[in-house]
PDB file of N, CA and C in Angstrom:
ATOM      1  N   MET A   1     -99.521-141.901 -77.501  1.00  0.00           N
ATOM      2  CA  MET A   1    -100.604-140.971 -77.739  1.00  0.00           C
ATOM      3  C   MET A   1    -100.276-139.673 -77.007  1.00  0.00           C
ATOM      4  N   PRO A   2    -100.472-138.523 -77.636  1.00  0.00           N
ATOM      5  CA  PRO A   2    -100.151-137.249 -77.006  1.00  0.00           C
ATOM      6  C   PRO A   2    -100.955-137.025 -75.730  1.00  0.00           C
ATOM      7  N   ALA A   3    -100.356-136.306 -74.767  1.00  0.00           N
ATOM      8  CA  ALA A   3    -101.054-135.981 -73.532  1.00  0.00           C
ATOM      9  C   ALA A   3    -102.306-135.181 -73.862  1.00  0.00           C
ATOM     10  N   GLY A   4    -103.368-135.441 -73.130  1.00  0.00           N
ATOM     11  CA  GLY A   4    -104.612-134.711 -73.331  1.00  0.00           C
ATOM     12  C   GLY A   4    -105.518-135.296 -74.397  1.00  0.00           C
ATOM     13  N   VAL A   5    -105.084-136.368 -75.074  1.00  0.00           N
ATOM     14  CA  VAL A   5    -105.915-137.007 -76.091  1.00  0.00           C
ATOM     15  C   VAL A   5    -106.604-138.201 -75.460  1.00  0.00           C
ATOM     16  N   ILE A   6    -107.905-138.266 -75.597  1.00  0.00           N
ATOM     17  CA  ILE A   6    -108.680-139.370 -75.056  1.00  0.00           C
ATOM     18  C   ILE A   6    -109.032-140.307 -76.196  1.00  0.00           C
ATOM     19  N   ASN A   7    -108.642-141.557 -76.081  1.00  0.00           N
ATOM     20  CA  ASN A   7    -108.958-142.556 -77.096  1.00  0.00           C
ATOM     21  C   ASN A   7    -110.240-143.256 -76.678  1.00  0.00           C
ATOM     22  N   LEU A   8    -111.354-142.839 -77.274  1.00  0.00           N
ATOM     23  CA  LEU A   8    -112.641-143.421 -76.911  1.00  0.00           C
ATOM     24  C   LEU A   8    -112.723-144.898 -77.257  1.00  0.00           C
ATOM     25  N   ALA A   9    -111.944-145.338 -78.209  1.00  0.00           N
ATOM     26  CA  ALA A   9    -111.992-146.756 -78.591  1.00  0.00           C
ATOM     27  C   ALA A   9    -111.540-147.638 -77.440  1.00  0.00           C
ATOM     28  N   THR A  10    -110.636-147.150 -76.601  1.00  0.00           N
ATOM     29  CA  THR A  10    -110.157-147.976 -75.498  1.00  0.00           C
ATOM     30  C   THR A  10    -110.955-147.741 -74.230  1.00  0.00           C
ATOM     31  N   ILE A  11    -111.628-146.606 -74.115  1.00  0.00           N
ATOM     32  CA  ILE A  11    -112.379-146.309 -72.896  1.00  0.00           C
ATOM     33  C   ILE A  11    -113.802-146.858 -72.980  1.00  0.00           C
ATOM     34  N   ALA A  12    -114.479-146.579 -74.076  1.00  0.00           N
ATOM     35  CA  ALA A  12    -115.902-146.888 -74.134  1.00  0.00           C
ATOM     36  C   ALA A  12    -116.275-147.769 -75.310  1.00  0.00           C
ATOM     37  N   ALA A  13    -115.311-148.438 -75.902  1.00  0.00           N
ATOM     38  CA  ALA A  13    -115.635-149.255 -77.071  1.00  0.00           C
ATOM     39  C   ALA A  13    -116.541-150.413 -76.676  1.00  0.00           C
ATOM     40  N   LEU A  14    -117.577-150.569 -77.402  1.00  0.00           N
ATOM     41  CA  LEU A  14    -118.501-151.670 -77.204  1.00  0.00           C
ATOM     42  C   LEU A  14    -118.447-152.538 -78.446  1.00  0.00           C
ATOM     43  N   PRO A  15    -118.692-153.819 -78.302  1.00  0.00           N
ATOM     44  CA  PRO A  15    -118.753-154.633 -79.508  1.00  0.00           C
ATOM     45  C   PRO A  15    -119.836-154.087 -80.431  1.00  0.00           C
ATOM     46  N   SER A  16    -119.600-154.144 -81.717  1.00  0.00           N
ATOM     47  CA  SER A  16    -120.589-153.662 -82.672  1.00  0.00           C
ATOM     48  C   SER A  16    -121.870-154.450 -82.493  1.00  0.00           C
ATOM     49  N   PRO A  17    -122.969-153.815 -82.094  1.00  0.00           N
ATOM     50  CA  PRO A  17    -124.211-154.562 -81.927  1.00  0.00           C
ATOM     51  C   PRO A  17    -124.669-155.150 -83.254  1.00  0.00           C
ATOM     52  N   THR A  18    -124.558-154.383 -84.307  1.00  0.00           N
ATOM     53  CA  THR A  18    -124.821-154.845 -85.660  1.00  0.00           C
ATOM     54  C   THR A  18    -123.683-154.320 -86.510  1.00  0.00           C
ATOM     55  N   PRO A  19    -122.778-155.192 -86.932  1.00  0.00           N
ATOM     56  CA  PRO A  19    -121.635-154.703 -87.713  1.00  0.00           C
ATOM     57  C   PRO A  19    -122.088-153.931 -88.944  1.00  0.00           C
ATOM     58  N   LEU A  20    -121.343-152.906 -89.265  1.00  0.00           N
ATOM     59  CA  LEU A  20    -121.618-152.127 -90.467  1.00  0.00           C
ATOM     60  C   LEU A  20    -121.109-152.912 -91.665  1.00  0.00           C
ATOM     61  N   ARG A  21    -121.905-152.991 -92.722  1.00  0.00           N
ATOM     62  CA  ARG A  21    -121.515-153.776 -93.890  1.00  0.00           C
ATOM     63  C   ARG A  21    -121.721-152.984 -95.165  1.00  0.00           C
ATOM     64  N   GLY A  22    -120.808-153.229 -96.100  1.00  0.00           N
ATOM     65  CA  GLY A  22    -120.957-152.705 -97.449  1.00  0.00           C
ATOM     66  C   GLY A  22    -120.886-151.200 -97.546  1.00  0.00           C
ATOM     67  N   PRO A  23    -121.164-150.690 -98.733  1.00  0.00           N
ATOM     68  CA  PRO A  23    -121.129-149.246 -98.918  1.00  0.00           C
ATOM     69  C   PRO A  23    -122.097-148.580 -97.934  1.00  0.00           C
ATOM     70  N   THR A  24    -121.619-147.583 -97.230  1.00  0.00           N
ATOM     71  CA  THR A  24    -122.431-146.935 -96.209  1.00  0.00           C
ATOM     72  C   THR A  24    -121.882-145.547 -95.930  1.00  0.00           C
ATOM     73  N   THR A  25    -122.604-144.795 -95.130  1.00  0.00           N
ATOM     74  CA  THR A  25    -122.130-143.501 -94.652  1.00  0.00           C
ATOM     75  C   THR A  25    -121.807-143.640 -93.169  1.00  0.00           C
ATOM     76  N   ILE A  26    -120.607-143.234 -92.793  1.00  0.00           N
ATOM     77  CA  ILE A  26    -120.140-143.336 -91.414  1.00  0.00           C
ATOM     78  C   ILE A  26    -120.411-142.007 -90.711  1.00  0.00           C
ATOM     79  N   THR A  27    -121.071-142.082 -89.553  1.00  0.00           N
ATOM     80  CA  THR A  27    -121.366-140.885 -88.767  1.00  0.00           C
ATOM     81  C   THR A  27    -120.455-140.835 -87.545  1.00  0.00           C
ATOM     82  N   VAL A  28    -120.471-139.712 -86.862  1.00  0.00           N
ATOM     83  CA  VAL A  28    -119.685-139.592 -85.638  1.00  0.00           C
ATOM     84  C   VAL A  28    -120.206-140.581 -84.585  1.00  0.00           C
ATOM     85  N   ASP A  29    -121.494-140.908 -84.600  1.00  0.00           N
ATOM     86  CA  ASP A  29    -122.039-141.899 -83.666  1.00  0.00           C
ATOM     87  C   ASP A  29    -121.416-143.273 -83.896  1.00  0.00           C
ATOM     88  N   ASP A  30    -121.216-143.651 -85.165  1.00  0.00           N
ATOM     89  CA  ASP A  30    -120.557-144.922 -85.468  1.00  0.00           C
ATOM     90  C   ASP A  30    -119.147-144.935 -84.892  1.00  0.00           C
ATOM     91  N   LEU A  31    -118.455-143.826 -85.037  1.00  0.00           N
ATOM     92  CA  LEU A  31    -117.079-143.739 -84.536  1.00  0.00           C
ATOM     93  C   LEU A  31    -117.039-143.807 -83.025  1.00  0.00           C
ATOM     94  N   GLN A  32    -117.978-143.178 -82.351  1.00  0.00           N
ATOM     95  CA  GLN A  32    -118.000-143.171 -80.896  1.00  0.00           C
ATOM     96  C   GLN A  32    -118.272-144.553 -80.333  1.00  0.00           C
ATOM     97  N   MET A  33    -118.949-145.397 -81.081  1.00  0.00           N
ATOM     98  CA  MET A  33    -119.268-146.737 -80.605  1.00  0.00           C
ATOM     99  C   MET A  33    -118.159-147.740 -80.886  1.00  0.00           C
ATOM    100  N   GLY A  34    -117.090-147.317 -81.535  1.00  0.00           N
ATOM    101  CA  GLY A  34    -116.008-148.252 -81.827  1.00  0.00           C
ATOM    102  C   GLY A  34    -116.426-149.313 -82.827  1.00  0.00           C
ATOM    103  N   GLN A  35    -117.190-148.941 -83.819  1.00  0.00           N
ATOM    104  CA  GLN A  35    -117.736-149.875 -84.804  1.00  0.00           C
ATOM    105  C   GLN A  35    -116.663-150.514 -85.684  1.00  0.00           C
ATOM    106  N   THR A  36    -117.023-151.642 -86.265  1.00  0.00           N
ATOM    107  CA  THR A  36    -116.224-152.300 -87.287  1.00  0.00           C
ATOM    108  C   THR A  36    -117.032-152.263 -88.576  1.00  0.00           C
ATOM    109  N   LEU A  37    -116.362-151.900 -89.666  1.00  0.00           N
ATOM    110  CA  LEU A  37    -116.989-151.826 -90.985  1.00  0.00           C
ATOM    111  C   LEU A  37    -116.439-152.952 -91.845  1.00  0.00           C
ATOM    112  N   TYR A  38    -117.323-153.768 -92.394  1.00  0.00           N
ATOM    113  CA  TYR A  38    -116.934-154.876 -93.271  1.00  0.00           C
ATOM    114  C   TYR A  38    -117.244-154.487 -94.712  1.00  0.00           C
ATOM    115  N   LEU A  39    -116.236-154.590 -95.574  1.00  0.00           N
ATOM    116  CA  LEU A  39    -116.377-154.216 -96.981  1.00  0.00           C
ATOM    117  C   LEU A  39    -115.857-155.316 -97.885  1.00  0.00           C
ATOM    118  N   ALA A  40    -116.314-155.316 -99.119  1.00  0.00           N
ATOM    119  CA  ALA A  40    -115.729-156.136-100.175  1.00  0.00           C
ATOM    120  C   ALA A  40    -114.780-155.238-100.963  1.00  0.00           C
ATOM    121  N   VAL A  41    -113.797-155.831-101.593  1.00  0.00           N
ATOM    122  CA  VAL A  41    -112.889-155.050-102.436  1.00  0.00           C
ATOM    123  C   VAL A  41    -113.716-154.289-103.459  1.00  0.00           C
ATOM    124  N   GLY A  42    -113.462-153.001-103.598  1.00  0.00           N
ATOM    125  CA  GLY A  42    -114.200-152.155-104.534  1.00  0.00           C
ATOM    126  C   GLY A  42    -115.320-151.358-103.891  1.00  0.00           C
ATOM    127  N   ASP A  43    -115.794-151.790-102.703  1.00  0.00           N
ATOM    128  CA  ASP A  43    -116.817-151.022-101.992  1.00  0.00           C
ATOM    129  C   ASP A  43    -116.250-149.685-101.551  1.00  0.00           C
ATOM    130  N   ALA A  44    -117.135-148.724-101.365  1.00  0.00           N
ATOM    131  CA  ALA A  44    -116.728-147.415-100.873  1.00  0.00           C
ATOM    132  C   ALA A  44    -117.578-147.042 -99.673  1.00  0.00           C
ATOM    133  N   PHE A  45    -117.037-146.174 -98.828  1.00  0.00           N
ATOM    134  CA  PHE A  45    -117.832-145.613 -97.745  1.00  0.00           C
ATOM    135  C   PHE A  45    -117.572-144.112 -97.693  1.00  0.00           C
ATOM    136  N   THR A  46    -118.562-143.403 -97.175  1.00  0.00           N
ATOM    137  CA  THR A  46    -118.512-141.946 -97.110  1.00  0.00           C
ATOM    138  C   THR A  46    -118.517-141.516 -95.654  1.00  0.00           C
ATOM    139  N   LEU A  47    -117.766-140.470 -95.342  1.00  0.00           N
ATOM    140  CA  LEU A  47    -117.804-139.889 -94.004  1.00  0.00           C
ATOM    141  C   LEU A  47    -118.858-138.788 -93.991  1.00  0.00           C
ATOM    142  N   ASP A  48    -119.800-138.894 -93.078  1.00  0.00           N
ATOM    143  CA  ASP A  48    -120.853-137.903 -92.909  1.00  0.00           C
ATOM    144  C   ASP A  48    -120.238-136.557 -92.521  1.00  0.00           C
ATOM    145  N   SER A  49    -120.957-135.471 -92.759  1.00  0.00           N
ATOM    146  CA  SER A  49    -120.444-134.138 -92.421  1.00  0.00           C
ATOM    147  C   SER A  49    -120.245-133.963 -90.919  1.00  0.00           C
ATOM    148  N   SER A  50    -120.822-134.860 -90.084  1.00  0.00           N
ATOM    149  CA  SER A  50    -120.616-134.793 -88.636  1.00  0.00           C
ATOM    150  C   SER A  50    -119.210-135.234 -88.245  1.00  0.00           C
ATOM    151  N   VAL A  51    -118.498-135.908 -89.153  1.00  0.00           N
ATOM    152  CA  VAL A  51    -117.132-136.377 -88.887  1.00  0.00           C
ATOM    153  C   VAL A  51    -116.174-135.274 -89.312  1.00  0.00           C
ATOM    154  N   THR A  52    -115.576-134.623 -88.315  1.00  0.00           N
ATOM    155  CA  THR A  52    -114.660-133.518 -88.594  1.00  0.00           C
ATOM    156  C   THR A  52    -113.331-133.754 -87.902  1.00  0.00           C
ATOM    157  N   GLY A  53    -112.312-133.124 -88.404  1.00  0.00           N
ATOM    158  CA  GLY A  53    -110.982-133.225 -87.813  1.00  0.00           C
ATOM    159  C   GLY A  53    -110.042-133.964 -88.740  1.00  0.00           C
ATOM    160  N   PRO A  54    -108.766-133.975 -88.387  1.00  0.00           N
ATOM    161  CA  PRO A  54    -107.796-134.707 -89.209  1.00  0.00           C
ATOM    162  C   PRO A  54    -108.157-136.191 -89.281  1.00  0.00           C
ATOM    163  N   ILE A  55    -108.022-136.772 -90.472  1.00  0.00           N
ATOM    164  CA  ILE A  55    -108.375-138.171 -90.713  1.00  0.00           C
ATOM    165  C   ILE A  55    -107.153-138.891 -91.256  1.00  0.00           C
ATOM    166  N   ARG A  56    -106.922-140.109 -90.732  1.00  0.00           N
ATOM    167  CA  ARG A  56    -105.779-140.901 -91.183  1.00  0.00           C
ATOM    168  C   ARG A  56    -106.210-142.350 -91.327  1.00  0.00           C
ATOM    169  N   ILE A  57    -105.781-142.973 -92.418  1.00  0.00           N
ATOM    170  CA  ILE A  57    -106.002-144.408 -92.638  1.00  0.00           C
ATOM    171  C   ILE A  57    -104.717-145.131 -92.253  1.00  0.00           C
ATOM    172  N   GLY A  58    -104.839-146.193 -91.462  1.00  0.00           N
ATOM    173  CA  GLY A  58    -103.665-146.930 -91.010  1.00  0.00           C
ATOM    174  C   GLY A  58    -102.891-147.576 -92.142  1.00  0.00           C
ATOM    175  N   ASP A  59    -103.561-148.328 -93.002  1.00  0.00           N
ATOM    176  CA  ASP A  59    -102.899-149.036 -94.098  1.00  0.00           C
ATOM    177  C   ASP A  59    -103.595-148.675 -95.407  1.00  0.00           C
ATOM    178  N   ALA A  60    -102.993-147.765 -96.152  1.00  0.00           N
ATOM    179  CA  ALA A  60    -103.590-147.279 -97.406  1.00  0.00           C
ATOM    180  C   ALA A  60    -103.556-148.326 -98.509  1.00  0.00           C
ATOM    181  N   ARG A  61    -102.937-149.475 -98.258  1.00  0.00           N
ATOM    182  CA  ARG A  61    -102.999-150.563 -99.240  1.00  0.00           C
ATOM    183  C   ARG A  61    -104.323-151.305 -99.138  1.00  0.00           C
ATOM    184  N   VAL A  62    -105.024-151.155 -98.009  1.00  0.00           N
ATOM    185  CA  VAL A  62    -106.303-151.831 -97.778  1.00  0.00           C
ATOM    186  C   VAL A  62    -107.474-150.916 -98.119  1.00  0.00           C
ATOM    187  N   ALA A  63    -107.432-149.667 -97.657  1.00  0.00           N
ATOM    188  CA  ALA A  63    -108.478-148.671 -97.957  1.00  0.00           C
ATOM    189  C   ALA A  63    -107.813-147.310 -98.058  1.00  0.00           C
ATOM    190  N   ALA A  64    -108.310-146.483 -98.960  1.00  0.00           N
ATOM    191  CA  ALA A  64    -107.690-145.177 -99.189  1.00  0.00           C
ATOM    192  C   ALA A  64    -108.743-144.185 -99.665  1.00  0.00           C
ATOM    193  N   PRO A  65    -108.443-142.890 -99.544  1.00  0.00           N
ATOM    194  CA  PRO A  65    -109.384-141.890-100.047  1.00  0.00           C
ATOM    195  C   PRO A  65    -109.596-142.044-101.555  1.00  0.00           C
ATOM    196  N   ALA A  66    -110.830-141.839-101.992  1.00  0.00           N
ATOM    197  CA  ALA A  66    -111.127-141.844-103.427  1.00  0.00           C
ATOM    198  C   ALA A  66    -110.484-140.606-104.042  1.00  0.00           C
ATOM    199  N   THR A  67    -110.015-140.731-105.243  1.00  0.00           N
ATOM    200  CA  THR A  67    -109.354-139.597-105.891  1.00  0.00           C
ATOM    201  C   THR A  67    -110.345-138.611-106.489  1.00  0.00           C
ATOM    202  N   ASP A  68    -111.595-139.028-106.665  1.00  0.00           N
ATOM    203  CA  ASP A  68    -112.558-138.176-107.358  1.00  0.00           C
ATOM    204  C   ASP A  68    -113.702-137.657-106.488  1.00  0.00           C
ATOM    205  N   ALA A  69    -113.645-137.881-105.168  1.00  0.00           N
ATOM    206  CA  ALA A  69    -114.743-137.437-104.314  1.00  0.00           C
ATOM    207  C   ALA A  69    -114.238-137.137-102.904  1.00  0.00           C
ATOM    208  N   LYS A  70    -114.728-136.059-102.332  1.00  0.00           N
ATOM    209  CA  LYS A  70    -114.345-135.672-100.979  1.00  0.00           C
ATOM    210  C   LYS A  70    -115.066-136.555 -99.956  1.00  0.00           C
ATOM    211  N   ASP A  71    -114.359-136.953 -98.912  1.00  0.00           N
ATOM    212  CA  ASP A  71    -114.906-137.736 -97.794  1.00  0.00           C
ATOM    213  C   ASP A  71    -115.356-139.143 -98.201  1.00  0.00           C
ATOM    214  N   VAL A  72    -114.856-139.643 -99.330  1.00  0.00           N
ATOM    215  CA  VAL A  72    -115.173-140.994 -99.784  1.00  0.00           C
ATOM    216  C   VAL A  72    -113.896-141.824 -99.739  1.00  0.00           C
ATOM    217  N   TYR A  73    -114.011-143.040 -99.201  1.00  0.00           N
ATOM    218  CA  TYR A  73    -112.879-143.964 -99.094  1.00  0.00           C
ATOM    219  C   TYR A  73    -113.246-145.264 -99.791  1.00  0.00           C
ATOM    220  N   VAL A  74    -112.255-145.893-100.418  1.00  0.00           N
ATOM    221  CA  VAL A  74    -112.487-147.093-101.217  1.00  0.00           C
ATOM    222  C   VAL A  74    -111.680-148.260-100.654  1.00  0.00           C
ATOM    223  N   ALA A  75    -112.316-149.435-100.592  1.00  0.00           N
ATOM    224  CA  ALA A  75    -111.632-150.665-100.196  1.00  0.00           C
ATOM    225  C   ALA A  75    -110.824-151.162-101.393  1.00  0.00           C
ATOM    226  N   ILE A  76    -109.504-151.262-101.211  1.00  0.00           N
ATOM    227  CA  ILE A  76    -108.607-151.586-102.325  1.00  0.00           C
ATOM    228  C   ILE A  76    -108.214-153.055-102.357  1.00  0.00           C
ATOM    229  N   ALA A  77    -107.928-153.633-101.190  1.00  0.00           N
ATOM    230  CA  ALA A  77    -107.452-155.018-101.130  1.00  0.00           C
ATOM    231  C   ALA A  77    -107.899-155.654 -99.816  1.00  0.00           C
ATOM    232  N   ALA A  78    -107.964-156.976 -99.795  1.00  0.00           N
ATOM    233  CA  ALA A  78    -108.344-157.690 -98.579  1.00  0.00           C
ATOM    234  C   ALA A  78    -107.335-157.396 -97.470  1.00  0.00           C
ATOM    235  N   GLY A  79    -107.857-157.245 -96.260  1.00  0.00           N
ATOM    236  CA  GLY A  79    -107.002-157.001 -95.105  1.00  0.00           C
ATOM    237  C   GLY A  79    -107.750-156.228 -94.037  1.00  0.00           C
ATOM    238  N   HIS A  80    -106.987-155.788 -93.038  1.00  0.00           N
ATOM    239  CA  HIS A  80    -107.529-155.038 -91.904  1.00  0.00           C
ATOM    240  C   HIS A  80    -106.809-153.701 -91.808  1.00  0.00           C
ATOM    241  N   THR A  81    -107.539-152.660 -91.472  1.00  0.00           N
ATOM    242  CA  THR A  81    -106.937-151.355 -91.221  1.00  0.00           C
ATOM    243  C   THR A  81    -107.851-150.589 -90.287  1.00  0.00           C
ATOM    244  N   GLU A  82    -107.471-149.375 -89.973  1.00  0.00           N
ATOM    245  CA  GLU A  82    -108.277-148.507 -89.122  1.00  0.00           C
ATOM    246  C   GLU A  82    -108.308-147.107 -89.705  1.00  0.00           C
ATOM    247  N   LEU A  83    -109.426-146.434 -89.490  1.00  0.00           N
ATOM    248  CA  LEU A  83    -109.554-145.028 -89.833  1.00  0.00           C
ATOM    249  C   LEU A  83    -109.519-144.273 -88.508  1.00  0.00           C
ATOM    250  N   HIS A  84    -108.610-143.324 -88.368  1.00  0.00           N
ATOM    251  CA  HIS A  84    -108.469-142.531 -87.145  1.00  0.00           C
ATOM    252  C   HIS A  84    -108.942-141.114 -87.425  1.00  0.00           C
ATOM    253  N   VAL A  85    -109.797-140.601 -86.549  1.00  0.00           N
ATOM    254  CA  VAL A  85    -110.283-139.226 -86.658  1.00  0.00           C
ATOM    255  C   VAL A  85    -109.982-138.536 -85.334  1.00  0.00           C
ATOM    256  N   THR A  86    -109.253-137.435 -85.398  1.00  0.00           N
ATOM    257  CA  THR A  86    -108.968-136.634 -84.205  1.00  0.00           C
ATOM    258  C   THR A  86    -109.951-135.478 -84.187  1.00  0.00           C
ATOM    259  N   HIS A  87    -110.753-135.419 -83.126  1.00  0.00           N
ATOM    260  CA  HIS A  87    -111.787-134.388 -83.024  1.00  0.00           C
ATOM    261  C   HIS A  87    -111.432-133.427 -81.892  1.00  0.00           C
ATOM    262  N   ASP A  88    -111.190-132.178 -82.239  1.00  0.00           N
ATOM    263  CA  ASP A  88    -110.848-131.139 -81.280  1.00  0.00           C
ATOM    264  C   ASP A  88    -112.105-130.321 -80.994  1.00  0.00           C
ATOM    265  N   VAL A  89    -112.696-130.544 -79.836  1.00  0.00           N
ATOM    266  CA  VAL A  89    -113.934-129.867 -79.465  1.00  0.00           C
ATOM    267  C   VAL A  89    -113.753-128.350 -79.493  1.00  0.00           C
ATOM    268  N   CYS A  90    -112.586-127.884 -79.066  1.00  0.00           N
ATOM    269  CA  CYS A  90    -112.320-126.433 -78.980  1.00  0.00           C
ATOM    270  C   CYS A  90    -111.990-125.814 -80.331  1.00  0.00           C
ATOM    271  N   ALA A  91    -111.600-126.625 -81.286  1.00  0.00           N
ATOM    272  CA  ALA A  91    -111.215-126.135 -82.614  1.00  0.00           C
ATOM    273  C   ALA A  91    -110.184-125.011 -82.520  1.00  0.00           C
ATOM    274  N   GLY A  92    -109.217-125.185 -81.615  1.00  0.00           N
ATOM    275  CA  GLY A  92    -108.122-124.227 -81.512  1.00  0.00           C
ATOM    276  C   GLY A  92    -108.435-122.965 -80.729  1.00  0.00           C
ATOM    277  N   THR A  93    -109.586-122.915 -80.045  1.00  0.00           N
ATOM    278  CA  THR A  93    -109.953-121.733 -79.268  1.00  0.00           C
ATOM    279  C   THR A  93    -109.010-121.577 -78.076  1.00  0.00           C
ATOM    280  N   ALA A  94    -108.387-120.419 -77.958  1.00  0.00           N
ATOM    281  CA  ALA A  94    -107.442-120.157 -76.867  1.00  0.00           C
ATOM    282  C   ALA A  94    -108.136-120.295 -75.512  1.00  0.00           C
ATOM    283  N   GLY A  95    -107.476-120.981 -74.582  1.00  0.00           N
ATOM    284  CA  GLY A  95    -107.993-121.138 -73.231  1.00  0.00           C
ATOM    285  C   GLY A  95    -109.004-122.251 -73.055  1.00  0.00           C
ATOM    286  N   CYS A  96    -109.427-122.866 -74.114  1.00  0.00           N
ATOM    287  CA  CYS A  96    -110.400-123.959 -74.025  1.00  0.00           C
ATOM    288  C   CYS A  96    -109.704-125.190 -73.449  1.00  0.00           C
ATOM    289  N   MET A  97    -110.325-125.807 -72.464  1.00  0.00           N
ATOM    290  CA  MET A  97    -109.716-126.949 -71.781  1.00  0.00           C
ATOM    291  C   MET A  97    -110.399-128.275 -72.117  1.00  0.00           C
ATOM    292  N   ALA A  98    -111.297-128.287 -73.088  1.00  0.00           N
ATOM    293  CA  ALA A  98    -111.991-129.529 -73.458  1.00  0.00           C
ATOM    294  C   ALA A  98    -110.985-130.506 -74.063  1.00  0.00           C
ATOM    295  N   PRO A  99    -111.213-131.784 -73.872  1.00  0.00           N
ATOM    296  CA  PRO A  99    -110.265-132.777 -74.399  1.00  0.00           C
ATOM    297  C   PRO A  99    -110.341-132.914 -75.916  1.00  0.00           C
ATOM    298  N   VAL A 100    -109.299-133.494 -76.455  1.00  0.00           N
ATOM    299  CA  VAL A 100    -109.268-133.878 -77.861  1.00  0.00           C
ATOM    300  C   VAL A 100    -109.596-135.371 -77.894  1.00  0.00           C
ATOM    301  N   PHE A 101    -110.499-135.766 -78.782  1.00  0.00           N
ATOM    302  CA  PHE A 101    -110.926-137.164 -78.853  1.00  0.00           C
ATOM    303  C   PHE A 101    -110.317-137.846 -80.068  1.00  0.00           C
ATOM    304  N   LEU A 102    -109.920-139.094 -79.902  1.00  0.00           N
ATOM    305  CA  LEU A 102    -109.463-139.915 -81.009  1.00  0.00           C
ATOM    306  C   LEU A 102    -110.503-140.995 -81.237  1.00  0.00           C
ATOM    307  N   PHE A 103    -111.141-140.962 -82.406  1.00  0.00           N
ATOM    308  CA  PHE A 103    -112.125-141.969 -82.779  1.00  0.00           C
ATOM    309  C   PHE A 103    -111.469-142.952 -83.736  1.00  0.00           C
ATOM    310  N   ILE A 104    -111.786-144.236 -83.572  1.00  0.00           N
ATOM    311  CA  ILE A 104    -111.201-145.264 -84.439  1.00  0.00           C
ATOM    312  C   ILE A 104    -112.319-146.129 -85.017  1.00  0.00           C
ATOM    313  N   LEU A 105    -112.307-146.268 -86.335  1.00  0.00           N
ATOM    314  CA  LEU A 105    -113.212-147.174 -87.031  1.00  0.00           C
ATOM    315  C   LEU A 105    -112.370-148.327 -87.568  1.00  0.00           C
ATOM    316  N   LYS A 106    -112.670-149.527 -87.127  1.00  0.00           N
ATOM    317  CA  LYS A 106    -111.972-150.700 -87.645  1.00  0.00           C
ATOM    318  C   LYS A 106    -112.572-151.053 -89.004  1.00  0.00           C
ATOM    319  N   ILE A 107    -111.708-151.380 -89.970  1.00  0.00           N
ATOM    320  CA  ILE A 107    -112.164-151.700 -91.312  1.00  0.00           C
ATOM    321  C   ILE A 107    -111.617-153.080 -91.696  1.00  0.00           C
ATOM    322  N   VAL A 108    -112.523-153.949 -92.125  1.00  0.00           N
ATOM    323  CA  VAL A 108    -112.159-155.294 -92.577  1.00  0.00           C
ATOM    324  C   VAL A 108    -112.606-155.405 -94.028  1.00  0.00           C
ATOM    325  N   VAL A 109    -111.645-155.632 -94.923  1.00  0.00           N
ATOM    326  CA  VAL A 109    -111.959-155.810 -96.338  1.00  0.00           C
ATOM    327  C   VAL A 109    -111.764-157.289 -96.671  1.00  0.00           C
ATOM    328  N   GLN A 110    -112.817-157.894 -97.239  1.00  0.00           N
ATOM    329  CA  GLN A 110    -112.775-159.324 -97.539  1.00  0.00           C
ATOM    330  C   GLN A 110    -112.808-159.578 -99.023  1.00  0.00           C
TER     331      GLN A 110
END
């Protein structure tokens, strides 16, 4: 992990008090809590406008961006993957010393 990046999933991850299930909208609060999202093949989830920054899916064979909608991801096949969101509080502002956060959403497709 690059220097200066804080991985909240390893620092403050709590077990999902109520696992997220099925088609849903994921907020930055869900990401900060280290949530796990359970989906069936064919289900989709949407990233709320509060989720900003570069987004990466670990295994695009399990879940991938929808081709016809922005911020929508589709469960393609059974398996496990993660959605990583890098959030830069400073948004590139020169001289800003705030940390960059890495949020991780665990995704289980059944």
